[in-house]
Amino acid sequence: MAEDCLFCKIAAKQIPAKFVREGERVVAFEDLNPVAPHHVLVIPREHLVSTLSIGPAQRAIAGELIEVAADIARERGFADNGYRLVFNTNRDAGMTVHHIHLHLLGGRRFGWPPG
């Protein structure tokens, strides 16, 4: 755990959040500033700064983040209509918390290109 990391503190329940899923390696919680009817952040408990931190040893956790997001989309009933998964990496992509996190967005139509 990185002591100054907001998401590490949320995963450790030092900061409250509305948890959607809690697993041994991954947690998911509602985004405080949702941009869709369903906006969930899926994060590893392990502090990984960004997608640039993914190497051979972290491939499984990256897959687990995606799997958890898909499970939540199915449980909430919007998987068949579609959803968006977003990893932002670093400043120009809009990353504000430097702990890898997957945005699960659903419940409305999305345009392309994004942003």
PDB file of N, CA and C in Angstrom:
ATOM      1  N   MET A   1       0.835  -1.181   0.000  1.00  0.00           N
ATOM      2  CA  MET A   1       0.000   0.000   0.000  1.00  0.00           C
ATOM      3  C   MET A   1       0.879   1.242   0.000  1.00  0.00           C
ATOM      4  N   ALA A   2       0.549   2.160  -0.887  1.00  0.00           N
ATOM      5  CA  ALA A   2       1.233   3.447  -0.891  1.00  0.00           C
ATOM      6  C   ALA A   2       0.508   4.352   0.100  1.00  0.00           C
ATOM      7  N   GLU A   3       1.226   4.876   1.066  1.00  0.00           N
ATOM      8  CA  GLU A   3       0.615   5.621   2.158  1.00  0.00           C
ATOM      9  C   GLU A   3      -0.161   6.853   1.722  1.00  0.00           C
ATOM     10  N   ASP A   4       0.240   7.492   0.626  1.00  0.00           N
ATOM     11  CA  ASP A   4      -0.434   8.712   0.185  1.00  0.00           C
ATOM     12  C   ASP A   4      -1.434   8.461  -0.942  1.00  0.00           C
ATOM     13  N   CYS A   5      -1.765   7.218  -1.231  1.00  0.00           N
ATOM     14  CA  CYS A   5      -2.640   6.881  -2.353  1.00  0.00           C
ATOM     15  C   CYS A   5      -4.101   6.784  -1.893  1.00  0.00           C
ATOM     16  N   LEU A   6      -4.950   7.594  -2.495  1.00  0.00           N
ATOM     17  CA  LEU A   6      -6.374   7.599  -2.181  1.00  0.00           C
ATOM     18  C   LEU A   6      -6.993   6.221  -2.375  1.00  0.00           C
ATOM     19  N   PHE A   7      -6.713   5.556  -3.499  1.00  0.00           N
ATOM     20  CA  PHE A   7      -7.331   4.264  -3.774  1.00  0.00           C
ATOM     21  C   PHE A   7      -6.806   3.164  -2.852  1.00  0.00           C
ATOM     22  N   CYS A   8      -5.545   3.224  -2.463  1.00  0.00           N
ATOM     23  CA  CYS A   8      -5.038   2.266  -1.478  1.00  0.00           C
ATOM     24  C   CYS A   8      -5.795   2.430  -0.166  1.00  0.00           C
ATOM     25  N   LYS A   9      -6.069   3.666   0.216  1.00  0.00           N
ATOM     26  CA  LYS A   9      -6.802   3.928   1.456  1.00  0.00           C
ATOM     27  C   LYS A   9      -8.245   3.454   1.356  1.00  0.00           C
ATOM     28  N   ILE A  10      -8.861   3.619   0.195  1.00  0.00           N
ATOM     29  CA  ILE A  10     -10.222   3.119  -0.001  1.00  0.00           C
ATOM     30  C   ILE A  10     -10.223   1.593   0.087  1.00  0.00           C
ATOM     31  N   ALA A  11      -9.291   0.944  -0.603  1.00  0.00           N
ATOM     32  CA  ALA A  11      -9.219  -0.526  -0.585  1.00  0.00           C
ATOM     33  C   ALA A  11      -9.005  -1.055   0.831  1.00  0.00           C
ATOM     34  N   ALA A  12      -8.271  -0.305   1.656  1.00  0.00           N
ATOM     35  CA  ALA A  12      -8.000  -0.702   3.039  1.00  0.00           C
ATOM     36  C   ALA A  12      -9.110  -0.245   3.998  1.00  0.00           C
ATOM     37  N   LYS A  13     -10.144   0.381   3.446  1.00  0.00           N
ATOM     38  CA  LYS A  13     -11.294   0.893   4.219  1.00  0.00           C
ATOM     39  C   LYS A  13     -10.892   1.964   5.229  1.00  0.00           C
ATOM     40  N   GLN A  14      -9.835   2.701   4.903  1.00  0.00           N
ATOM     41  CA  GLN A  14      -9.458   3.853   5.719  1.00  0.00           C
ATOM     42  C   GLN A  14     -10.258   5.084   5.300  1.00  0.00           C
ATOM     43  N   ILE A  15     -10.797   5.038   4.080  1.00  0.00           N
ATOM     44  CA  ILE A  15     -11.669   6.081   3.539  1.00  0.00           C
ATOM     45  C   ILE A  15     -12.934   5.369   3.083  1.00  0.00           C
ATOM     46  N   PRO A  16     -14.104   5.887   3.460  1.00  0.00           N
ATOM     47  CA  PRO A  16     -15.342   5.198   3.075  1.00  0.00           C
ATOM     48  C   PRO A  16     -15.622   5.275   1.579  1.00  0.00           C
ATOM     49  N   ALA A  17     -16.263   4.232   1.081  1.00  0.00           N
ATOM     50  CA  ALA A  17     -16.699   4.164  -0.310  1.00  0.00           C
ATOM     51  C   ALA A  17     -17.879   3.212  -0.370  1.00  0.00           C
ATOM     52  N   LYS A  18     -18.670   3.343  -1.414  1.00  0.00           N
ATOM     53  CA  LYS A  18     -19.791   2.422  -1.617  1.00  0.00           C
ATOM     54  C   LYS A  18     -19.264   1.246  -2.441  1.00  0.00           C
ATOM     55  N   PHE A  19     -18.877   0.178  -1.739  1.00  0.00           N
ATOM     56  CA  PHE A  19     -18.292  -0.983  -2.393  1.00  0.00           C
ATOM     57  C   PHE A  19     -19.353  -1.779  -3.151  1.00  0.00           C
ATOM     58  N   VAL A  20     -18.974  -2.210  -4.335  1.00  0.00           N
ATOM     59  CA  VAL A  20     -19.807  -3.060  -5.181  1.00  0.00           C
ATOM     60  C   VAL A  20     -19.305  -4.493  -5.104  1.00  0.00           C
ATOM     61  N   ARG A  21     -17.995  -4.649  -4.981  1.00  0.00           N
ATOM     62  CA  ARG A  21     -17.361  -5.965  -4.937  1.00  0.00           C
ATOM     63  C   ARG A  21     -16.110  -5.869  -4.093  1.00  0.00           C
ATOM     64  N   GLU A  22     -15.880  -6.880  -3.286  1.00  0.00           N
ATOM     65  CA  GLU A  22     -14.656  -6.961  -2.495  1.00  0.00           C
ATOM     66  C   GLU A  22     -14.097  -8.362  -2.627  1.00  0.00           C
ATOM     67  N   GLY A  23     -12.946  -8.470  -3.245  1.00  0.00           N
ATOM     68  CA  GLY A  23     -12.279  -9.745  -3.384  1.00  0.00           C
ATOM     69  C   GLY A  23     -10.911  -9.694  -2.749  1.00  0.00           C
ATOM     70  N   GLU A  24     -10.243 -10.809  -2.808  1.00  0.00           N
ATOM     71  CA  GLU A  24      -8.908 -10.893  -2.213  1.00  0.00           C
ATOM     72  C   GLU A  24      -7.924  -9.947  -2.900  1.00  0.00           C
ATOM     73  N   ARG A  25      -8.024  -9.854  -4.239  1.00  0.00           N
ATOM     74  CA  ARG A  25      -7.052  -9.050  -5.002  1.00  0.00           C
ATOM     75  C   ARG A  25      -7.647  -7.810  -5.647  1.00  0.00           C
ATOM     76  N   VAL A  26      -8.979  -7.741  -5.739  1.00  0.00           N
ATOM     77  CA  VAL A  26      -9.641  -6.657  -6.476  1.00  0.00           C
ATOM     78  C   VAL A  26     -10.839  -6.146  -5.685  1.00  0.00           C
ATOM     79  N   VAL A  27     -11.046  -4.837  -5.722  1.00  0.00           N
ATOM     80  CA  VAL A  27     -12.254  -4.240  -5.159  1.00  0.00           C
ATOM     81  C   VAL A  27     -12.883  -3.334  -6.212  1.00  0.00           C
ATOM     82  N   ALA A  28     -14.196  -3.136  -6.088  1.00  0.00           N
ATOM     83  CA  ALA A  28     -14.919  -2.249  -6.992  1.00  0.00           C
ATOM     84  C   ALA A  28     -15.837  -1.381  -6.153  1.00  0.00           C
ATOM     85  N   PHE A  29     -15.921  -0.110  -6.524  1.00  0.00           N
ATOM     86  CA  PHE A  29     -16.750   0.817  -5.772  1.00  0.00           C
ATOM     87  C   PHE A  29     -17.316   1.882  -6.709  1.00  0.00           C
ATOM     88  N   GLU A  30     -18.403   2.511  -6.261  1.00  0.00           N
ATOM     89  CA  GLU A  30     -19.059   3.545  -7.047  1.00  0.00           C
ATOM     90  C   GLU A  30     -18.146   4.767  -7.163  1.00  0.00           C
ATOM     91  N   ASP A  31     -18.089   5.342  -8.367  1.00  0.00           N
ATOM     92  CA  ASP A  31     -17.339   6.578  -8.577  1.00  0.00           C
ATOM     93  C   ASP A  31     -18.098   7.728  -7.912  1.00  0.00           C
ATOM     94  N   LEU A  32     -17.378   8.616  -7.243  1.00  0.00           N
ATOM     95  CA  LEU A  32     -18.018   9.754  -6.574  1.00  0.00           C
ATOM     96  C   LEU A  32     -18.533  10.802  -7.554  1.00  0.00           C
ATOM     97  N   ASN A  33     -17.988  10.819  -8.759  1.00  0.00           N
ATOM     98  CA  ASN A  33     -18.408  11.773  -9.790  1.00  0.00           C
ATOM     99  C   ASN A  33     -18.808  11.013 -11.051  1.00  0.00           C
ATOM    100  N   PRO A  34     -19.947  10.329 -11.006  1.00  0.00           N
ATOM    101  CA  PRO A  34     -20.322   9.468 -12.134  1.00  0.00           C
ATOM    102  C   PRO A  34     -20.610  10.252 -13.410  1.00  0.00           C
ATOM    103  N   VAL A  35     -20.212   9.666 -14.543  1.00  0.00           N
ATOM    104  CA  VAL A  35     -20.490  10.250 -15.853  1.00  0.00           C
ATOM    105  C   VAL A  35     -21.469   9.384 -16.639  1.00  0.00           C
ATOM    106  N   ALA A  36     -22.027   8.380 -15.975  1.00  0.00           N
ATOM    107  CA  ALA A  36     -23.015   7.484 -16.582  1.00  0.00           C
ATOM    108  C   ALA A  36     -23.892   6.961 -15.441  1.00  0.00           C
ATOM    109  N   PRO A  37     -25.080   6.446 -15.767  1.00  0.00           N
ATOM    110  CA  PRO A  37     -25.934   5.895 -14.716  1.00  0.00           C
ATOM    111  C   PRO A  37     -25.235   4.826 -13.870  1.00  0.00           C
ATOM    112  N   HIS A  38     -24.363   4.065 -14.488  1.00  0.00           N
ATOM    113  CA  HIS A  38     -23.525   3.104 -13.772  1.00  0.00           C
ATOM    114  C   HIS A  38     -22.080   3.517 -14.020  1.00  0.00           C
ATOM    115  N   HIS A  39     -21.377   3.880 -12.970  1.00  0.00           N
ATOM    116  CA  HIS A  39     -19.963   4.263 -13.078  1.00  0.00           C
ATOM    117  C   HIS A  39     -19.253   3.675 -11.860  1.00  0.00           C
ATOM    118  N   VAL A  40     -18.560   2.580 -12.102  1.00  0.00           N
ATOM    119  CA  VAL A  40     -17.885   1.830 -11.051  1.00  0.00           C
ATOM    120  C   VAL A  40     -16.385   1.833 -11.345  1.00  0.00           C
ATOM    121  N   LEU A  41     -15.586   2.005 -10.314  1.00  0.00           N
ATOM    122  CA  LEU A  41     -14.138   1.886 -10.443  1.00  0.00           C
ATOM    123  C   LEU A  41     -13.723   0.521  -9.927  1.00  0.00           C
ATOM    124  N   VAL A  42     -12.914  -0.172 -10.718  1.00  0.00           N
ATOM    125  CA  VAL A  42     -12.411  -1.496 -10.359  1.00  0.00           C
ATOM    126  C   VAL A  42     -10.898  -1.360 -10.217  1.00  0.00           C
ATOM    127  N   ILE A  43     -10.389  -1.710  -9.039  1.00  0.00           N
ATOM    128  CA  ILE A  43      -8.967  -1.496  -8.758  1.00  0.00           C
ATOM    129  C   ILE A  43      -8.345  -2.737  -8.127  1.00  0.00           C
ATOM    130  N   PRO A  44      -7.042  -2.911  -8.326  1.00  0.00           N
ATOM    131  CA  PRO A  44      -6.351  -3.966  -7.569  1.00  0.00           C
ATOM    132  C   PRO A  44      -6.040  -3.444  -6.169  1.00  0.00           C
ATOM    133  N   ARG A  45      -6.012  -4.333  -5.209  1.00  0.00           N
ATOM    134  CA  ARG A  45      -5.589  -3.936  -3.861  1.00  0.00           C
ATOM    135  C   ARG A  45      -4.107  -3.543  -3.876  1.00  0.00           C
ATOM    136  N   GLU A  46      -3.338  -4.229  -4.712  1.00  0.00           N
ATOM    137  CA  GLU A  46      -1.911  -3.921  -4.841  1.00  0.00           C
ATOM    138  C   GLU A  46      -1.752  -2.562  -5.513  1.00  0.00           C
ATOM    139  N   HIS A  47      -0.853  -1.753  -5.014  1.00  0.00           N
ATOM    140  CA  HIS A  47      -0.615  -0.439  -5.608  1.00  0.00           C
ATOM    141  C   HIS A  47       0.210  -0.584  -6.886  1.00  0.00           C
ATOM    142  N   LEU A  48      -0.436  -0.340  -8.002  1.00  0.00           N
ATOM    143  CA  LEU A  48       0.221  -0.279  -9.302  1.00  0.00           C
ATOM    144  C   LEU A  48      -0.084   1.115  -9.842  1.00  0.00           C
ATOM    145  N   VAL A  49       0.921   1.847 -10.232  1.00  0.00           N
ATOM    146  CA  VAL A  49       0.755   3.255 -10.576  1.00  0.00           C
ATOM    147  C   VAL A  49      -0.134   3.464 -11.800  1.00  0.00           C
ATOM    148  N   SER A  50       0.047   2.670 -12.831  1.00  0.00           N
ATOM    149  CA  SER A  50      -0.740   2.836 -14.058  1.00  0.00           C
ATOM    150  C   SER A  50      -0.611   1.578 -14.899  1.00  0.00           C
ATOM    151  N   THR A  51      -1.197   1.611 -16.085  1.00  0.00           N
ATOM    152  CA  THR A  51      -1.062   0.481 -17.003  1.00  0.00           C
ATOM    153  C   THR A  51       0.399   0.267 -17.399  1.00  0.00           C
ATOM    154  N   LEU A  52       1.222   1.287 -17.248  1.00  0.00           N
ATOM    155  CA  LEU A  52       2.644   1.139 -17.541  1.00  0.00           C
ATOM    156  C   LEU A  52       3.337   0.235 -16.518  1.00  0.00           C
ATOM    157  N   SER A  53       2.655  -0.040 -15.412  1.00  0.00           N
ATOM    158  CA  SER A  53       3.195  -0.932 -14.379  1.00  0.00           C
ATOM    159  C   SER A  53       2.900  -2.399 -14.663  1.00  0.00           C
ATOM    160  N   ILE A  54       2.110  -2.668 -15.700  1.00  0.00           N
ATOM    161  CA  ILE A  54       1.734  -4.048 -16.014  1.00  0.00           C
ATOM    162  C   ILE A  54       2.875  -4.735 -16.754  1.00  0.00           C
ATOM    163  N   GLY A  55       3.347  -5.786 -16.156  1.00  0.00           N
ATOM    164  CA  GLY A  55       4.362  -6.630 -16.770  1.00  0.00           C
ATOM    165  C   GLY A  55       3.904  -8.072 -16.646  1.00  0.00           C
ATOM    166  N   PRO A  56       4.773  -9.021 -16.947  1.00  0.00           N
ATOM    167  CA  PRO A  56       4.382 -10.430 -16.885  1.00  0.00           C
ATOM    168  C   PRO A  56       3.768 -10.837 -15.541  1.00  0.00           C
ATOM    169  N   ALA A  57       4.281 -10.315 -14.445  1.00  0.00           N
ATOM    170  CA  ALA A  57       3.775 -10.703 -13.131  1.00  0.00           C
ATOM    171  C   ALA A  57       2.397 -10.111 -12.827  1.00  0.00           C
ATOM    172  N   GLN A  58       1.991  -9.061 -13.549  1.00  0.00           N
ATOM    173  CA  GLN A  58       0.715  -8.397 -13.292  1.00  0.00           C
ATOM    174  C   GLN A  58      -0.364  -8.705 -14.329  1.00  0.00           C
ATOM    175  N   ARG A  59      -0.066  -9.520 -15.312  1.00  0.00           N
ATOM    176  CA  ARG A  59      -1.053  -9.800 -16.360  1.00  0.00           C
ATOM    177  C   ARG A  59      -2.339 -10.385 -15.803  1.00  0.00           C
ATOM    178  N   ALA A  60      -2.222 -11.252 -14.826  1.00  0.00           N
ATOM    179  CA  ALA A  60      -3.411 -11.894 -14.256  1.00  0.00           C
ATOM    180  C   ALA A  60      -4.311 -10.866 -13.580  1.00  0.00           C
ATOM    181  N   ILE A  61      -3.735  -9.905 -12.884  1.00  0.00           N
ATOM    182  CA  ILE A  61      -4.563  -8.914 -12.196  1.00  0.00           C
ATOM    183  C   ILE A  61      -5.265  -8.015 -13.213  1.00  0.00           C
ATOM    184  N   ALA A  62      -4.619  -7.698 -14.313  1.00  0.00           N
ATOM    185  CA  ALA A  62      -5.273  -6.893 -15.357  1.00  0.00           C
ATOM    186  C   ALA A  62      -6.485  -7.630 -15.901  1.00  0.00           C
ATOM    187  N   GLY A  63      -6.349  -8.914 -16.149  1.00  0.00           N
ATOM    188  CA  GLY A  63      -7.477  -9.721 -16.606  1.00  0.00           C
ATOM    189  C   GLY A  63      -8.573  -9.812 -15.572  1.00  0.00           C
ATOM    190  N   GLU A  64      -8.192  -9.889 -14.308  1.00  0.00           N
ATOM    191  CA  GLU A  64      -9.184  -9.965 -13.230  1.00  0.00           C
ATOM    192  C   GLU A  64      -9.991  -8.669 -13.131  1.00  0.00           C
ATOM    193  N   LEU A  65      -9.362  -7.528 -13.350  1.00  0.00           N
ATOM    194  CA  LEU A  65     -10.093  -6.260 -13.338  1.00  0.00           C
ATOM    195  C   LEU A  65     -11.191  -6.271 -14.405  1.00  0.00           C
ATOM    196  N   ILE A  66     -10.846  -6.745 -15.594  1.00  0.00           N
ATOM    197  CA  ILE A  66     -11.810  -6.800 -16.696  1.00  0.00           C
ATOM    198  C   ILE A  66     -12.913  -7.808 -16.394  1.00  0.00           C
ATOM    199  N   GLU A  67     -12.544  -8.948 -15.856  1.00  0.00           N
ATOM    200  CA  GLU A  67     -13.528  -9.979 -15.515  1.00  0.00           C
ATOM    201  C   GLU A  67     -14.526  -9.476 -14.467  1.00  0.00           C
ATOM    202  N   VAL A  68     -14.037  -8.795 -13.440  1.00  0.00           N
ATOM    203  CA  VAL A  68     -14.912  -8.254 -12.397  1.00  0.00           C
ATOM    204  C   VAL A  68     -15.848  -7.212 -12.997  1.00  0.00           C
ATOM    205  N   ALA A  69     -15.337  -6.351 -13.857  1.00  0.00           N
ATOM    206  CA  ALA A  69     -16.180  -5.336 -14.499  1.00  0.00           C
ATOM    207  C   ALA A  69     -17.296  -5.993 -15.309  1.00  0.00           C
ATOM    208  N   ALA A  70     -16.970  -7.020 -16.078  1.00  0.00           N
ATOM    209  CA  ALA A  70     -17.978  -7.722 -16.881  1.00  0.00           C
ATOM    210  C   ALA A  70     -19.029  -8.378 -15.982  1.00  0.00           C
ATOM    211  N   ASP A  71     -18.605  -8.963 -14.881  1.00  0.00           N
ATOM    212  CA  ASP A  71     -19.548  -9.577 -13.937  1.00  0.00           C
ATOM    213  C   ASP A  71     -20.508  -8.533 -13.370  1.00  0.00           C
ATOM    214  N   ILE A  72     -19.995  -7.371 -13.018  1.00  0.00           N
ATOM    215  CA  ILE A  72     -20.845  -6.308 -12.472  1.00  0.00           C
ATOM    216  C   ILE A  72     -21.839  -5.832 -13.534  1.00  0.00           C
ATOM    217  N   ALA A  73     -21.383  -5.682 -14.773  1.00  0.00           N
ATOM    218  CA  ALA A  73     -22.278  -5.262 -15.856  1.00  0.00           C
ATOM    219  C   ALA A  73     -23.403  -6.275 -16.050  1.00  0.00           C
ATOM    220  N   ARG A  74     -23.077  -7.557 -15.989  1.00  0.00           N
ATOM    221  CA  ARG A  74     -24.116  -8.590 -16.104  1.00  0.00           C
ATOM    222  C   ARG A  74     -25.083  -8.527 -14.924  1.00  0.00           C
ATOM    223  N   GLU A  75     -24.536  -8.419 -13.711  1.00  0.00           N
ATOM    224  CA  GLU A  75     -25.375  -8.378 -12.506  1.00  0.00           C
ATOM    225  C   GLU A  75     -26.329  -7.190 -12.522  1.00  0.00           C
ATOM    226  N   ARG A  76     -25.867  -6.069 -13.042  1.00  0.00           N
ATOM    227  CA  ARG A  76     -26.693  -4.857 -13.066  1.00  0.00           C
ATOM    228  C   ARG A  76     -27.620  -4.781 -14.283  1.00  0.00           C
ATOM    229  N   GLY A  77     -27.467  -5.725 -15.199  1.00  0.00           N
ATOM    230  CA  GLY A  77     -28.396  -5.840 -16.307  1.00  0.00           C
ATOM    231  C   GLY A  77     -28.139  -4.967 -17.516  1.00  0.00           C
ATOM    232  N   PHE A  78     -26.948  -4.403 -17.654  1.00  0.00           N
ATOM    233  CA  PHE A  78     -26.674  -3.591 -18.835  1.00  0.00           C
ATOM    234  C   PHE A  78     -25.607  -4.188 -19.750  1.00  0.00           C
ATOM    235  N   ALA A  79     -25.147  -5.374 -19.450  1.00  0.00           N
ATOM    236  CA  ALA A  79     -24.090  -5.988 -20.259  1.00  0.00           C
ATOM    237  C   ALA A  79     -24.535  -6.224 -21.701  1.00  0.00           C
ATOM    238  N   ASP A  80     -25.737  -6.730 -21.894  1.00  0.00           N
ATOM    239  CA  ASP A  80     -26.194  -7.034 -23.250  1.00  0.00           C
ATOM    240  C   ASP A  80     -26.372  -5.790 -24.105  1.00  0.00           C
ATOM    241  N   ASN A  81     -26.741  -4.670 -23.500  1.00  0.00           N
ATOM    242  CA  ASN A  81     -26.887  -3.419 -24.259  1.00  0.00           C
ATOM    243  C   ASN A  81     -25.541  -2.785 -24.565  1.00  0.00           C
ATOM    244  N   GLY A  82     -24.558  -3.088 -23.755  1.00  0.00           N
ATOM    245  CA  GLY A  82     -23.213  -2.569 -23.974  1.00  0.00           C
ATOM    246  C   GLY A  82     -22.738  -1.690 -22.843  1.00  0.00           C
ATOM    247  N   TYR A  83     -21.435  -1.614 -22.735  1.00  0.00           N
ATOM    248  CA  TYR A  83     -20.800  -0.793 -21.711  1.00  0.00           C
ATOM    249  C   TYR A  83     -19.407  -0.428 -22.187  1.00  0.00           C
ATOM    250  N   ARG A  84     -18.817   0.506 -21.501  1.00  0.00           N
ATOM    251  CA  ARG A  84     -17.473   0.955 -21.848  1.00  0.00           C
ATOM    252  C   ARG A  84     -16.537   0.690 -20.678  1.00  0.00           C
ATOM    253  N   LEU A  85     -15.333   0.219 -21.003  1.00  0.00           N
ATOM    254  CA  LEU A  85     -14.261   0.037 -20.033  1.00  0.00           C
ATOM    255  C   LEU A  85     -13.153   1.008 -20.400  1.00  0.00           C
ATOM    256  N   VAL A  86     -12.670   1.763 -19.410  1.00  0.00           N
ATOM    257  CA  VAL A  86     -11.662   2.788 -19.689  1.00  0.00           C
ATOM    258  C   VAL A  86     -10.533   2.692 -18.666  1.00  0.00           C
ATOM    259  N   PHE A  87      -9.318   2.588 -19.174  1.00  0.00           N
ATOM    260  CA  PHE A  87      -8.113   2.772 -18.369  1.00  0.00           C
ATOM    261  C   PHE A  87      -7.496   4.086 -18.816  1.00  0.00           C
ATOM    262  N   ASN A  88      -7.358   5.049 -17.934  1.00  0.00           N
ATOM    263  CA  ASN A  88      -6.628   6.276 -18.250  1.00  0.00           C
ATOM    264  C   ASN A  88      -5.197   6.099 -17.749  1.00  0.00           C
ATOM    265  N   THR A  89      -4.244   6.570 -18.541  1.00  0.00           N
ATOM    266  CA  THR A  89      -2.841   6.450 -18.145  1.00  0.00           C
ATOM    267  C   THR A  89      -2.170   7.810 -18.250  1.00  0.00           C
ATOM    268  N   ASN A  90      -1.846   8.342 -17.096  1.00  0.00           N
ATOM    269  CA  ASN A  90      -1.102   9.586 -16.924  1.00  0.00           C
ATOM    270  C   ASN A  90      -1.912  10.839 -17.264  1.00  0.00           C
ATOM    271  N   ARG A  91      -1.301  11.981 -17.097  1.00  0.00           N
ATOM    272  CA  ARG A  91      -1.961  13.285 -17.104  1.00  0.00           C
ATOM    273  C   ARG A  91      -2.769  13.579 -18.359  1.00  0.00           C
ATOM    274  N   ASP A  92      -2.201  13.411 -19.532  1.00  0.00           N
ATOM    275  CA  ASP A  92      -2.904  13.793 -20.757  1.00  0.00           C
ATOM    276  C   ASP A  92      -4.150  12.952 -21.020  1.00  0.00           C
ATOM    277  N   ALA A  93      -4.239  11.800 -20.404  1.00  0.00           N
ATOM    278  CA  ALA A  93      -5.427  10.951 -20.541  1.00  0.00           C
ATOM    279  C   ALA A  93      -6.466  11.265 -19.468  1.00  0.00           C
ATOM    280  N   GLY A  94      -6.124  12.124 -18.521  1.00  0.00           N
ATOM    281  CA  GLY A  94      -7.060  12.496 -17.474  1.00  0.00           C
ATOM    282  C   GLY A  94      -6.914  11.710 -16.185  1.00  0.00           C
ATOM    283  N   MET A  95      -5.819  10.989 -16.032  1.00  0.00           N
ATOM    284  CA  MET A  95      -5.611  10.216 -14.798  1.00  0.00           C
ATOM    285  C   MET A  95      -5.293  11.172 -13.659  1.00  0.00           C
ATOM    286  N   THR A  96      -6.106  11.127 -12.603  1.00  0.00           N
ATOM    287  CA  THR A  96      -5.886  12.014 -11.464  1.00  0.00           C
ATOM    288  C   THR A  96      -5.431  11.270 -10.214  1.00  0.00           C
ATOM    289  N   VAL A  97      -5.781   9.994 -10.097  1.00  0.00           N
ATOM    290  CA  VAL A  97      -5.299   9.159  -8.994  1.00  0.00           C
ATOM    291  C   VAL A  97      -4.348   8.137  -9.606  1.00  0.00           C
ATOM    292  N   HIS A  98      -3.113   8.180  -9.186  1.00  0.00           N
ATOM    293  CA  HIS A  98      -2.094   7.321  -9.796  1.00  0.00           C
ATOM    294  C   HIS A  98      -2.026   5.968  -9.097  1.00  0.00           C
ATOM    295  N   HIS A  99      -3.084   5.218  -9.337  1.00  0.00           N
ATOM    296  CA  HIS A  99      -3.253   3.824  -8.919  1.00  0.00           C
ATOM    297  C   HIS A  99      -4.127   3.244 -10.030  1.00  0.00           C
ATOM    298  N   ILE A 100      -3.635   2.222 -10.706  1.00  0.00           N
ATOM    299  CA  ILE A 100      -4.370   1.694 -11.856  1.00  0.00           C
ATOM    300  C   ILE A 100      -5.830   1.454 -11.479  1.00  0.00           C
ATOM    301  N   HIS A 101      -6.730   1.913 -12.335  1.00  0.00           N
ATOM    302  CA  HIS A 101      -8.155   1.707 -12.101  1.00  0.00           C
ATOM    303  C   HIS A 101      -8.887   1.642 -13.429  1.00  0.00           C
ATOM    304  N   LEU A 102      -9.875   0.795 -13.435  1.00  0.00           N
ATOM    305  CA  LEU A 102     -10.699   0.569 -14.616  1.00  0.00           C
ATOM    306  C   LEU A 102     -12.059   1.199 -14.359  1.00  0.00           C
ATOM    307  N   HIS A 103     -12.468   2.089 -15.261  1.00  0.00           N
ATOM    308  CA  HIS A 103     -13.803   2.675 -15.178  1.00  0.00           C
ATOM    309  C   HIS A 103     -14.767   1.757 -15.928  1.00  0.00           C
ATOM    310  N   LEU A 104     -15.804   1.317 -15.249  1.00  0.00           N
ATOM    311  CA  LEU A 104     -16.903   0.593 -15.874  1.00  0.00           C
ATOM    312  C   LEU A 104     -18.038   1.588 -16.017  1.00  0.00           C
ATOM    313  N   LEU A 105     -18.421   1.876 -17.261  1.00  0.00           N
ATOM    314  CA  LEU A 105     -19.467   2.850 -17.564  1.00  0.00           C
ATOM    315  C   LEU A 105     -20.587   2.165 -18.314  1.00  0.00           C
ATOM    316  N   GLY A 106     -21.818   2.351 -17.861  1.00  0.00           N
ATOM    317  CA  GLY A 106     -22.945   1.733 -18.547  1.00  0.00           C
ATOM    318  C   GLY A 106     -24.247   2.419 -18.208  1.00  0.00           C
ATOM    319  N   GLY A 107     -25.294   1.968 -18.893  1.00  0.00           N
ATOM    320  CA  GLY A 107     -26.622   2.495 -18.629  1.00  0.00           C
ATOM    321  C   GLY A 107     -27.037   3.626 -19.542  1.00  0.00           C
ATOM    322  N   ARG A 108     -26.204   3.956 -20.527  1.00  0.00           N
ATOM    323  CA  ARG A 108     -26.553   4.969 -21.536  1.00  0.00           C
ATOM    324  C   ARG A 108     -25.727   4.713 -22.789  1.00  0.00           C
ATOM    325  N   ARG A 109     -26.099   5.386 -23.872  1.00  0.00           N
ATOM    326  CA  ARG A 109     -25.322   5.293 -25.112  1.00  0.00           C
ATOM    327  C   ARG A 109     -24.087   6.173 -25.010  1.00  0.00           C
ATOM    328  N   PHE A 110     -23.009   5.724 -25.631  1.00  0.00           N
ATOM    329  CA  PHE A 110     -21.774   6.479 -25.662  1.00  0.00           C
ATOM    330  C   PHE A 110     -21.435   6.820 -27.103  1.00  0.00           C
ATOM    331  N   GLY A 111     -20.857   7.990 -27.302  1.00  0.00           N
ATOM    332  CA  GLY A 111     -20.430   8.405 -28.634  1.00  0.00           C
ATOM    333  C   GLY A 111     -19.003   7.973 -28.915  1.00  0.00           C
ATOM    334  N   TRP A 112     -18.641   8.133 -30.167  1.00  0.00           N
ATOM    335  CA  TRP A 112     -17.260   7.853 -30.585  1.00  0.00           C
ATOM    336  C   TRP A 112     -16.838   8.928 -31.561  1.00  0.00           C
ATOM    337  N   PRO A 113     -15.693   9.488 -31.468  1.00  0.00           N
ATOM    338  CA  PRO A 113     -14.631   9.172 -30.518  1.00  0.00           C
ATOM    339  C   PRO A 113     -14.933   9.765 -29.141  1.00  0.00           C
ATOM    340  N   PRO A 114     -14.378   9.156 -28.099  1.00  0.00           N
ATOM    341  CA  PRO A 114     -14.587   9.681 -26.756  1.00  0.00           C
ATOM    342  C   PRO A 114     -13.731  10.923 -26.538  1.00  0.00           C
ATOM    343  N   GLY A 115     -14.105  11.713 -25.560  1.00  0.00           N
ATOM    344  CA  GLY A 115     -13.306  12.876 -25.117  1.00  0.00           C
ATOM    345  C   GLY A 115     -13.015  13.794 -26.197  1.00  0.00           C
TER     346      GLY A 115
END
